[in-house]
Each structure stands twice: as structure tokens, then as C-alpha cells.
């Protein structure tokens, strides 16, 4: 069973129990979000981010997570990033929110993301930084969600984007060890939650 099908209620409840952190993540993503016409969140989950950010479409492998996202008004397709069921150049925005660590094949996934983005379209990648205090905590903690995840450092994420010819425009970091709610323009590689804005060239 998909781990998110089993624990989908606990996952969704986390955002109600940690409202300040959730709103912080939304705020950081908004700082890099462009004006867009048609956007999709890959790994949309229960639709918490897509709804707040006015992203109409979502892709999600978990049927139960997708059902909640649909209740929130998101048009969700069932599928994985490695095989996205949309035509070339379909979107001018793709959002990944804590999705990169769960991808089964990073090369196939980013090839697909590149394919569905229009030329000049924006990719926003938000993730837990492996090198940060928060990333190290997740690596050590026996979390039902992260025990089989592959966390990436900021530098690794930047290298992936460069290899697929994405041009990085901006980096923001937050959830620092000394101040969880501080937001800094990066790259610093100390923030637990990192957001990278890049465009397809």
C-alpha cells in the first residue's frame, strides 16, 4: 500500500496542527511565484498548497490524497512524475512542494517536467534541505513518511536543474536552526526549507 494512502488523514491534519509553519511555507513560495495562466503541482497531495496558491491542476499517485485535493477544488490526475499524463508544453508553471525526495527516478521525472513546461515557463521546487538541521533531523527520525525518502541538498538540487537546462532565478531559505521563521535570500545552504525558482530555457 502507498504509505500516503495509509496515513493520508494524519498527513493532512499536520497542516492544521502546525499552521504557523504551513503559512510560512506558503509565504516563501509566494515570493517566487510568477503570474501564470495554467499551473500544476506535481505530488499535489491533499491540495493544501495548490488551493492556497490558486494552482488549478494536480498530479498525485495516492487515490486517497487525491480525493481530498479534489474536494478542495483541484483537478487531480492520478499518476507519477516519471510519466506525466499531459501533452508537451501544457503549463507555464510547475510546482514541486516536498516532492523531490519521494521521486522514484529523478532523471525521468525532471525530463517529464521539462517536457510539459512551455518555453520560458517556471518551475518552483520547494524541499527539505538535506544539509540543514531540519534535514538531518528527518534523516535520523523514524518517520513513516521520510524513512524511505531521499533528501537532497541545495547544491544537489541546483545541479539537477542545471543538467536539465533550467535557469535558476532566485533562491529563498527559511526554518533556520537559530530562527525557524526567518526568511533569507540564498543560496546559503543552512535553511531547512528551500525554494528555488527556475525557468525552462
Foldseek 3Di string as FASTA:
>chain_A
DPLCLVCLVVVVCVCVVPVVLLVLLLVVLVVQDDDWDAEEEEQCFLVPNCLVVVHAEYEHQHPVRVVNNVVSRHHYDHDHLLDDPDAFQQTLEYEYAQNCQVHPDLVSNVVSVLRNHHAFGKYKYKHFACQEPLNVVLCPDPDSPRVNTHHHHPVRVVVSCVVQQWAWDWKKAACAPVHRNDIDTDDPRHHRMMMIMTGHD
